[in-house]
N, C-alpha and C. Protein backbone atom coordinates (compact mmCIF):
# COMPACT_ATOMS: atom_id res chain seq x y z
N MET A 1 -24.42 28.81 -165.21
CA MET A 1 -23.55 29.98 -165.19
C MET A 1 -22.15 29.51 -164.80
N LYS A 2 -21.16 29.93 -165.55
CA LYS A 2 -19.77 29.63 -165.23
C LYS A 2 -19.16 30.79 -164.47
N LEU A 3 -18.54 30.46 -163.34
CA LEU A 3 -17.87 31.47 -162.51
C LEU A 3 -16.37 31.23 -162.51
N LEU A 4 -15.61 32.24 -162.85
CA LEU A 4 -14.16 32.18 -162.77
C LEU A 4 -13.76 32.49 -161.33
N ILE A 5 -12.96 31.60 -160.73
CA ILE A 5 -12.51 31.79 -159.35
C ILE A 5 -10.98 31.73 -159.34
N PRO A 6 -10.30 32.87 -159.25
CA PRO A 6 -8.84 32.85 -159.13
C PRO A 6 -8.44 32.31 -157.76
N VAL A 7 -7.50 31.37 -157.74
CA VAL A 7 -7.05 30.76 -156.49
C VAL A 7 -5.53 30.94 -156.40
N ASP A 8 -5.10 31.71 -155.39
CA ASP A 8 -3.66 31.96 -155.23
C ASP A 8 -3.09 31.35 -153.95
N GLY A 9 -3.90 30.57 -153.27
CA GLY A 9 -3.44 29.95 -152.04
C GLY A 9 -3.72 30.75 -150.79
N SER A 10 -4.19 31.98 -150.93
CA SER A 10 -4.48 32.82 -149.77
C SER A 10 -5.80 32.40 -149.14
N ASP A 11 -5.95 32.74 -147.86
CA ASP A 11 -7.22 32.47 -147.18
C ASP A 11 -8.37 33.18 -147.88
N LEU A 12 -8.11 34.37 -148.38
CA LEU A 12 -9.16 35.14 -149.04
C LEU A 12 -9.61 34.49 -150.34
N SER A 13 -8.68 33.91 -151.09
CA SER A 13 -9.10 33.23 -152.32
C SER A 13 -9.93 31.99 -151.97
N MET A 14 -9.60 31.34 -150.86
CA MET A 14 -10.41 30.19 -150.43
C MET A 14 -11.78 30.64 -149.95
N ARG A 15 -11.88 31.82 -149.35
CA ARG A 15 -13.19 32.37 -148.99
C ARG A 15 -14.02 32.62 -150.24
N ALA A 16 -13.37 33.04 -151.32
CA ALA A 16 -14.08 33.25 -152.59
C ALA A 16 -14.61 31.92 -153.13
N VAL A 17 -13.78 30.88 -153.05
CA VAL A 17 -14.23 29.55 -153.47
C VAL A 17 -15.41 29.12 -152.62
N ALA A 18 -15.30 29.27 -151.31
CA ALA A 18 -16.38 28.88 -150.40
C ALA A 18 -17.67 29.65 -150.72
N HIS A 19 -17.54 30.93 -151.04
CA HIS A 19 -18.72 31.74 -151.39
C HIS A 19 -19.38 31.19 -152.65
N ALA A 20 -18.57 30.89 -153.66
CA ALA A 20 -19.12 30.35 -154.91
C ALA A 20 -19.77 28.99 -154.68
N VAL A 21 -19.15 28.16 -153.84
CA VAL A 21 -19.73 26.86 -153.52
C VAL A 21 -21.07 27.05 -152.79
N GLN A 22 -21.13 28.02 -151.87
CA GLN A 22 -22.39 28.30 -151.17
C GLN A 22 -23.49 28.71 -152.14
N LEU A 23 -23.13 29.51 -153.14
CA LEU A 23 -24.12 29.91 -154.15
C LEU A 23 -24.66 28.68 -154.87
N ALA A 24 -23.77 27.76 -155.21
CA ALA A 24 -24.19 26.54 -155.90
C ALA A 24 -25.06 25.67 -155.01
N VAL A 25 -24.66 25.51 -153.77
CA VAL A 25 -25.44 24.69 -152.83
C VAL A 25 -26.82 25.32 -152.59
N ALA A 26 -26.88 26.64 -152.63
CA ALA A 26 -28.16 27.34 -152.43
C ALA A 26 -29.07 27.26 -153.65
N GLY A 27 -28.55 26.74 -154.75
CA GLY A 27 -29.42 26.54 -155.91
C GLY A 27 -28.98 27.19 -157.21
N LEU A 28 -27.94 28.01 -157.18
CA LEU A 28 -27.46 28.60 -158.42
C LEU A 28 -26.83 27.50 -159.27
N ARG A 29 -27.37 27.30 -160.45
CA ARG A 29 -26.80 26.30 -161.36
C ARG A 29 -25.51 26.88 -161.93
N THR A 30 -24.40 26.35 -161.46
CA THR A 30 -23.13 26.93 -161.83
C THR A 30 -22.06 25.88 -162.00
N GLU A 31 -21.05 26.25 -162.74
CA GLU A 31 -19.81 25.48 -162.84
C GLU A 31 -18.70 26.44 -162.44
N LEU A 32 -17.81 25.98 -161.58
CA LEU A 32 -16.68 26.80 -161.16
C LEU A 32 -15.49 26.53 -162.07
N VAL A 33 -14.82 27.59 -162.45
CA VAL A 33 -13.56 27.47 -163.17
C VAL A 33 -12.49 27.97 -162.21
N LEU A 34 -11.82 27.02 -161.58
CA LEU A 34 -10.79 27.32 -160.58
C LEU A 34 -9.47 27.50 -161.31
N VAL A 35 -8.88 28.68 -161.18
CA VAL A 35 -7.67 28.97 -161.95
C VAL A 35 -6.56 29.50 -161.06
N ASN A 36 -5.36 29.00 -161.32
CA ASN A 36 -4.17 29.49 -160.64
C ASN A 36 -3.21 29.98 -161.71
N VAL A 37 -2.65 31.17 -161.48
CA VAL A 37 -1.69 31.74 -162.43
C VAL A 37 -0.30 31.68 -161.79
N GLN A 38 0.61 31.04 -162.48
CA GLN A 38 1.99 30.94 -162.05
C GLN A 38 2.81 32.03 -162.74
N GLU A 39 3.79 32.55 -162.02
CA GLU A 39 4.69 33.52 -162.63
C GLU A 39 5.59 32.82 -163.64
N PRO A 40 5.96 33.51 -164.72
CA PRO A 40 6.91 32.92 -165.66
C PRO A 40 8.25 32.66 -164.98
N ALA A 41 9.00 31.72 -165.53
CA ALA A 41 10.32 31.40 -164.98
C ALA A 41 11.21 32.63 -165.03
N SER A 42 12.01 32.78 -163.99
CA SER A 42 12.96 33.90 -163.95
C SER A 42 14.15 33.60 -164.86
N VAL A 43 14.91 34.62 -165.16
CA VAL A 43 16.11 34.43 -165.97
C VAL A 43 17.05 33.44 -165.28
N TYR A 44 17.17 33.57 -163.96
CA TYR A 44 18.02 32.66 -163.20
C TYR A 44 17.57 31.20 -163.38
N GLU A 45 16.26 30.97 -163.28
CA GLU A 45 15.74 29.62 -163.45
C GLU A 45 16.00 29.10 -164.85
N LEU A 46 15.81 29.95 -165.84
CA LEU A 46 16.06 29.54 -167.23
C LEU A 46 17.53 29.21 -167.46
N VAL A 47 18.41 30.02 -166.89
CA VAL A 47 19.85 29.82 -167.09
C VAL A 47 20.34 28.57 -166.36
N THR A 48 19.85 28.34 -165.16
CA THR A 48 20.36 27.22 -164.37
C THR A 48 19.73 25.89 -164.74
N LEU A 49 18.49 25.87 -165.13
CA LEU A 49 17.83 24.60 -165.44
C LEU A 49 17.97 24.20 -166.90
N HIS A 50 17.95 25.13 -167.81
CA HIS A 50 18.13 24.86 -169.25
C HIS A 50 17.04 23.97 -169.85
N ASP A 51 15.95 23.78 -169.17
CA ASP A 51 14.93 22.86 -169.66
C ASP A 51 13.55 23.49 -169.48
N ALA A 52 13.03 24.06 -170.56
CA ALA A 52 11.74 24.75 -170.50
C ALA A 52 10.61 23.79 -170.12
N ASP A 53 10.68 22.54 -170.59
CA ASP A 53 9.64 21.57 -170.26
C ASP A 53 9.64 21.27 -168.76
N ALA A 54 10.82 21.12 -168.18
CA ALA A 54 10.91 20.85 -166.74
C ALA A 54 10.37 22.03 -165.94
N LEU A 55 10.69 23.25 -166.38
CA LEU A 55 10.16 24.44 -165.70
C LEU A 55 8.64 24.49 -165.79
N ALA A 56 8.10 24.13 -166.95
CA ALA A 56 6.65 24.12 -167.13
C ALA A 56 6.00 23.08 -166.23
N GLN A 57 6.65 21.93 -166.07
CA GLN A 57 6.13 20.89 -165.19
C GLN A 57 6.14 21.32 -163.73
N VAL A 58 7.20 22.01 -163.33
CA VAL A 58 7.30 22.52 -161.96
C VAL A 58 6.18 23.54 -161.71
N ALA A 59 5.97 24.45 -162.66
CA ALA A 59 4.92 25.47 -162.52
C ALA A 59 3.54 24.81 -162.46
N ASP A 60 3.31 23.81 -163.30
CA ASP A 60 2.03 23.13 -163.30
C ASP A 60 1.81 22.41 -161.97
N ALA A 61 2.83 21.74 -161.47
CA ALA A 61 2.72 21.03 -160.19
C ALA A 61 2.44 22.01 -159.05
N ALA A 62 3.12 23.15 -159.06
CA ALA A 62 2.90 24.16 -158.02
C ALA A 62 1.47 24.70 -158.10
N GLY A 63 1.00 24.94 -159.30
CA GLY A 63 -0.37 25.43 -159.48
C GLY A 63 -1.41 24.42 -159.04
N ARG A 64 -1.20 23.16 -159.38
CA ARG A 64 -2.14 22.10 -158.97
C ARG A 64 -2.16 21.95 -157.45
N ASP A 65 -0.98 22.08 -156.85
CA ASP A 65 -0.89 22.01 -155.39
C ASP A 65 -1.67 23.16 -154.75
N THR A 66 -1.54 24.35 -155.33
CA THR A 66 -2.26 25.52 -154.83
C THR A 66 -3.77 25.36 -155.00
N LEU A 67 -4.19 24.73 -156.10
CA LEU A 67 -5.61 24.54 -156.36
C LEU A 67 -6.24 23.42 -155.54
N ALA A 68 -5.44 22.51 -155.01
CA ALA A 68 -5.96 21.30 -154.36
C ALA A 68 -7.02 21.58 -153.28
N PRO A 69 -6.81 22.53 -152.36
CA PRO A 69 -7.86 22.77 -151.35
C PRO A 69 -9.17 23.28 -151.97
N ALA A 70 -9.07 24.08 -153.02
CA ALA A 70 -10.27 24.60 -153.68
C ALA A 70 -11.01 23.47 -154.39
N VAL A 71 -10.26 22.59 -155.04
CA VAL A 71 -10.86 21.44 -155.72
C VAL A 71 -11.55 20.54 -154.69
N LYS A 72 -10.90 20.32 -153.58
CA LYS A 72 -11.47 19.48 -152.52
C LYS A 72 -12.79 20.06 -152.01
N LEU A 73 -12.83 21.37 -151.84
CA LEU A 73 -14.05 22.03 -151.38
C LEU A 73 -15.19 21.87 -152.39
N ALA A 74 -14.89 22.06 -153.67
CA ALA A 74 -15.91 21.91 -154.71
C ALA A 74 -16.38 20.46 -154.80
N GLN A 75 -15.44 19.53 -154.73
CA GLN A 75 -15.80 18.11 -154.80
C GLN A 75 -16.68 17.70 -153.62
N ALA A 76 -16.33 18.16 -152.42
CA ALA A 76 -17.10 17.80 -151.22
C ALA A 76 -18.55 18.26 -151.33
N ALA A 77 -18.77 19.37 -152.01
CA ALA A 77 -20.12 19.91 -152.17
C ALA A 77 -20.78 19.44 -153.47
N HIS A 78 -20.08 18.61 -154.23
CA HIS A 78 -20.58 18.09 -155.51
C HIS A 78 -20.90 19.22 -156.49
N VAL A 79 -20.06 20.23 -156.50
CA VAL A 79 -20.24 21.36 -157.42
C VAL A 79 -19.37 21.11 -158.65
N PRO A 80 -19.97 21.14 -159.83
CA PRO A 80 -19.17 20.94 -161.05
C PRO A 80 -18.07 21.99 -161.15
N HIS A 81 -16.91 21.56 -161.58
CA HIS A 81 -15.78 22.49 -161.66
C HIS A 81 -14.75 21.98 -162.66
N THR A 82 -13.97 22.92 -163.14
CA THR A 82 -12.80 22.60 -163.93
C THR A 82 -11.62 23.32 -163.30
N GLU A 83 -10.43 22.87 -163.64
CA GLU A 83 -9.22 23.46 -163.09
C GLU A 83 -8.35 23.95 -164.24
N ALA A 84 -7.66 25.04 -164.00
CA ALA A 84 -6.70 25.54 -164.99
C ALA A 84 -5.50 26.11 -164.26
N VAL A 85 -4.32 25.73 -164.73
CA VAL A 85 -3.07 26.32 -164.27
C VAL A 85 -2.44 26.95 -165.50
N VAL A 86 -2.20 28.24 -165.43
CA VAL A 86 -1.62 28.98 -166.55
C VAL A 86 -0.42 29.77 -166.05
N THR A 87 0.42 30.15 -166.97
CA THR A 87 1.62 30.90 -166.61
C THR A 87 1.66 32.20 -167.38
N GLY A 88 1.96 33.28 -166.68
CA GLY A 88 2.08 34.58 -167.34
C GLY A 88 1.64 35.70 -166.41
N ASP A 89 1.37 36.85 -167.01
CA ASP A 89 0.85 38.00 -166.27
C ASP A 89 -0.51 37.63 -165.70
N VAL A 90 -0.70 37.86 -164.41
CA VAL A 90 -1.89 37.37 -163.71
C VAL A 90 -3.18 37.88 -164.37
N VAL A 91 -3.30 39.17 -164.53
CA VAL A 91 -4.55 39.73 -165.06
C VAL A 91 -4.78 39.27 -166.49
N ALA A 92 -3.77 39.35 -167.31
CA ALA A 92 -3.91 38.93 -168.72
C ALA A 92 -4.34 37.46 -168.81
N MET A 93 -3.75 36.62 -167.98
CA MET A 93 -4.09 35.20 -168.02
C MET A 93 -5.49 34.94 -167.49
N LEU A 94 -5.88 35.65 -166.43
CA LEU A 94 -7.24 35.48 -165.92
C LEU A 94 -8.27 35.88 -166.98
N LEU A 95 -8.00 36.98 -167.68
CA LEU A 95 -8.92 37.43 -168.73
C LEU A 95 -8.95 36.43 -169.89
N GLU A 96 -7.81 35.84 -170.18
CA GLU A 96 -7.74 34.84 -171.25
C GLU A 96 -8.56 33.59 -170.89
N VAL A 97 -8.40 33.11 -169.66
CA VAL A 97 -9.17 31.95 -169.22
C VAL A 97 -10.66 32.29 -169.17
N LEU A 98 -10.99 33.48 -168.69
CA LEU A 98 -12.37 33.94 -168.64
C LEU A 98 -13.03 33.81 -170.02
N GLU A 99 -12.33 34.30 -171.03
CA GLU A 99 -12.87 34.26 -172.39
C GLU A 99 -12.90 32.83 -172.94
N ALA A 100 -11.80 32.11 -172.77
CA ALA A 100 -11.72 30.75 -173.31
C ALA A 100 -12.77 29.82 -172.72
N GLU A 101 -13.06 29.99 -171.44
CA GLU A 101 -14.02 29.12 -170.75
C GLU A 101 -15.46 29.64 -170.85
N GLY A 102 -15.64 30.85 -171.36
CA GLY A 102 -16.98 31.41 -171.48
C GLY A 102 -17.62 31.71 -170.13
N CYS A 103 -16.83 32.20 -169.20
CA CYS A 103 -17.35 32.52 -167.86
C CYS A 103 -18.24 33.76 -167.92
N GLN A 104 -19.32 33.73 -167.15
CA GLN A 104 -20.24 34.86 -167.11
C GLN A 104 -20.01 35.79 -165.93
N ALA A 105 -19.14 35.41 -165.00
CA ALA A 105 -18.85 36.26 -163.84
C ALA A 105 -17.56 35.80 -163.18
N VAL A 106 -17.02 36.66 -162.32
CA VAL A 106 -15.81 36.37 -161.55
C VAL A 106 -16.16 36.53 -160.08
N VAL A 107 -15.67 35.60 -159.26
CA VAL A 107 -15.76 35.73 -157.81
C VAL A 107 -14.35 35.61 -157.29
N MET A 108 -13.88 36.65 -156.60
CA MET A 108 -12.48 36.64 -156.16
C MET A 108 -12.30 37.42 -154.87
N GLY A 109 -11.17 37.17 -154.23
CA GLY A 109 -10.83 37.92 -153.04
C GLY A 109 -10.48 39.35 -153.40
N SER A 110 -10.71 40.24 -152.47
CA SER A 110 -10.42 41.65 -152.74
C SER A 110 -8.93 41.95 -152.66
N HIS A 111 -8.16 41.07 -152.04
CA HIS A 111 -6.70 41.14 -152.01
C HIS A 111 -6.18 39.73 -152.14
N GLY A 112 -5.03 39.60 -152.77
CA GLY A 112 -4.42 38.28 -152.88
C GLY A 112 -3.12 38.23 -152.12
N LYS A 113 -2.22 37.42 -152.60
CA LYS A 113 -0.93 37.25 -151.95
C LYS A 113 0.07 38.31 -152.34
N GLY A 114 -0.25 39.11 -153.35
CA GLY A 114 0.70 40.12 -153.82
C GLY A 114 1.07 41.12 -152.76
N ARG A 115 2.23 41.74 -152.93
CA ARG A 115 2.73 42.72 -151.95
C ARG A 115 2.14 44.11 -152.17
N VAL A 116 1.77 44.41 -153.40
CA VAL A 116 1.28 45.75 -153.71
C VAL A 116 -0.23 45.79 -153.49
N ARG A 117 -0.68 46.71 -152.66
CA ARG A 117 -2.12 46.83 -152.39
C ARG A 117 -2.51 48.29 -152.39
N SER A 118 -3.63 48.55 -153.04
CA SER A 118 -4.15 49.92 -152.99
C SER A 118 -4.97 50.06 -151.71
N ALA A 119 -5.54 51.22 -151.50
CA ALA A 119 -6.30 51.46 -150.27
C ALA A 119 -7.52 50.54 -150.17
N TRP A 120 -8.14 50.22 -151.29
CA TRP A 120 -9.38 49.44 -151.24
C TRP A 120 -9.23 48.04 -151.81
N LEU A 121 -8.56 47.92 -152.92
CA LEU A 121 -8.45 46.63 -153.60
C LEU A 121 -7.00 46.33 -153.90
N GLY A 122 -6.67 45.04 -154.02
CA GLY A 122 -5.35 44.66 -154.48
C GLY A 122 -5.20 45.03 -155.94
N SER A 123 -3.98 45.07 -156.42
CA SER A 123 -3.73 45.49 -157.80
C SER A 123 -4.40 44.56 -158.81
N VAL A 124 -4.38 43.26 -158.57
CA VAL A 124 -5.05 42.32 -159.48
C VAL A 124 -6.56 42.52 -159.41
N SER A 125 -7.09 42.67 -158.22
CA SER A 125 -8.53 42.88 -158.05
C SER A 125 -8.97 44.15 -158.77
N GLN A 126 -8.21 45.21 -158.59
CA GLN A 126 -8.54 46.48 -159.24
C GLN A 126 -8.51 46.34 -160.76
N ALA A 127 -7.50 45.67 -161.28
CA ALA A 127 -7.39 45.49 -162.73
C ALA A 127 -8.54 44.62 -163.26
N MET A 128 -8.92 43.59 -162.52
CA MET A 128 -10.03 42.75 -162.97
C MET A 128 -11.33 43.55 -162.97
N LEU A 129 -11.53 44.37 -161.97
CA LEU A 129 -12.72 45.21 -161.91
C LEU A 129 -12.79 46.12 -163.14
N GLU A 130 -11.65 46.68 -163.51
CA GLU A 130 -11.60 47.62 -164.63
C GLU A 130 -11.68 46.93 -165.99
N ARG A 131 -11.08 45.75 -166.12
CA ARG A 131 -10.91 45.15 -167.44
C ARG A 131 -11.83 43.98 -167.76
N ALA A 132 -12.38 43.32 -166.77
CA ALA A 132 -13.23 42.16 -167.05
C ALA A 132 -14.53 42.60 -167.72
N PRO A 133 -14.92 41.89 -168.77
CA PRO A 133 -16.15 42.24 -169.47
C PRO A 133 -17.41 41.66 -168.82
N VAL A 134 -17.25 41.07 -167.64
CA VAL A 134 -18.36 40.44 -166.92
C VAL A 134 -18.40 40.99 -165.50
N PRO A 135 -19.48 40.76 -164.77
CA PRO A 135 -19.53 41.22 -163.37
C PRO A 135 -18.44 40.56 -162.52
N VAL A 136 -17.89 41.33 -161.59
CA VAL A 136 -16.87 40.84 -160.67
C VAL A 136 -17.40 41.02 -159.25
N THR A 137 -17.42 39.94 -158.50
CA THR A 137 -17.85 39.97 -157.10
C THR A 137 -16.61 39.79 -156.23
N PHE A 138 -16.44 40.67 -155.25
CA PHE A 138 -15.30 40.58 -154.35
C PHE A 138 -15.74 40.03 -153.00
N VAL A 139 -14.94 39.13 -152.48
CA VAL A 139 -15.14 38.59 -151.15
C VAL A 139 -14.13 39.28 -150.24
N LYS A 140 -14.65 39.91 -149.20
CA LYS A 140 -13.80 40.69 -148.29
C LYS A 140 -13.21 39.78 -147.22
N PRO A 141 -12.11 40.23 -146.61
CA PRO A 141 -11.55 39.49 -145.47
C PRO A 141 -12.56 39.48 -144.32
N VAL A 142 -12.45 38.49 -143.46
CA VAL A 142 -13.35 38.36 -142.31
C VAL A 142 -13.32 39.61 -141.46
N ASP A 143 -12.14 40.18 -141.25
CA ASP A 143 -12.01 41.34 -140.38
C ASP A 143 -12.09 42.67 -141.14
N ALA A 144 -12.66 42.67 -142.34
CA ALA A 144 -12.73 43.89 -143.15
C ALA A 144 -13.51 45.00 -142.47
N ASP A 145 -14.50 44.64 -141.68
CA ASP A 145 -15.32 45.66 -141.01
C ASP A 145 -14.71 46.14 -139.69
N ALA A 146 -13.60 45.50 -139.29
CA ALA A 146 -12.98 45.85 -138.01
C ALA A 146 -12.15 47.13 -138.09
N ASP A 147 -11.89 47.63 -139.30
CA ASP A 147 -11.06 48.83 -139.46
C ASP A 147 -11.73 50.07 -138.97
């Protein structure tokens, strides 16, 4: 089973990675697809740098840096995994990777690094719940029950 795991650098996304790794260690035959979505370059960045390839390299490096702790966790547990860094709208890109990789489920944090949050789920989490054609499992913050 392939699991899509969005990684945005937040503690909660790392908890999602840890949860997926625990499933694999417990016996679920799985491959993790660790994905980071970078925002497209701003107009300011495009105007000042003038080099789309350089901007793409910067985005890829930032994404790989964000994925590094998740990759390390999967490697330490000997869990098969692939990495993807993509640029664009977060939900659209996650759905694109989901389809391209043939993932059968998503495991993600209930909130990410974004500033906009609904009462129960983050905006990306809510959109994935509504739009993903596969089951979505949410990992809650440690203190979620403290409210």
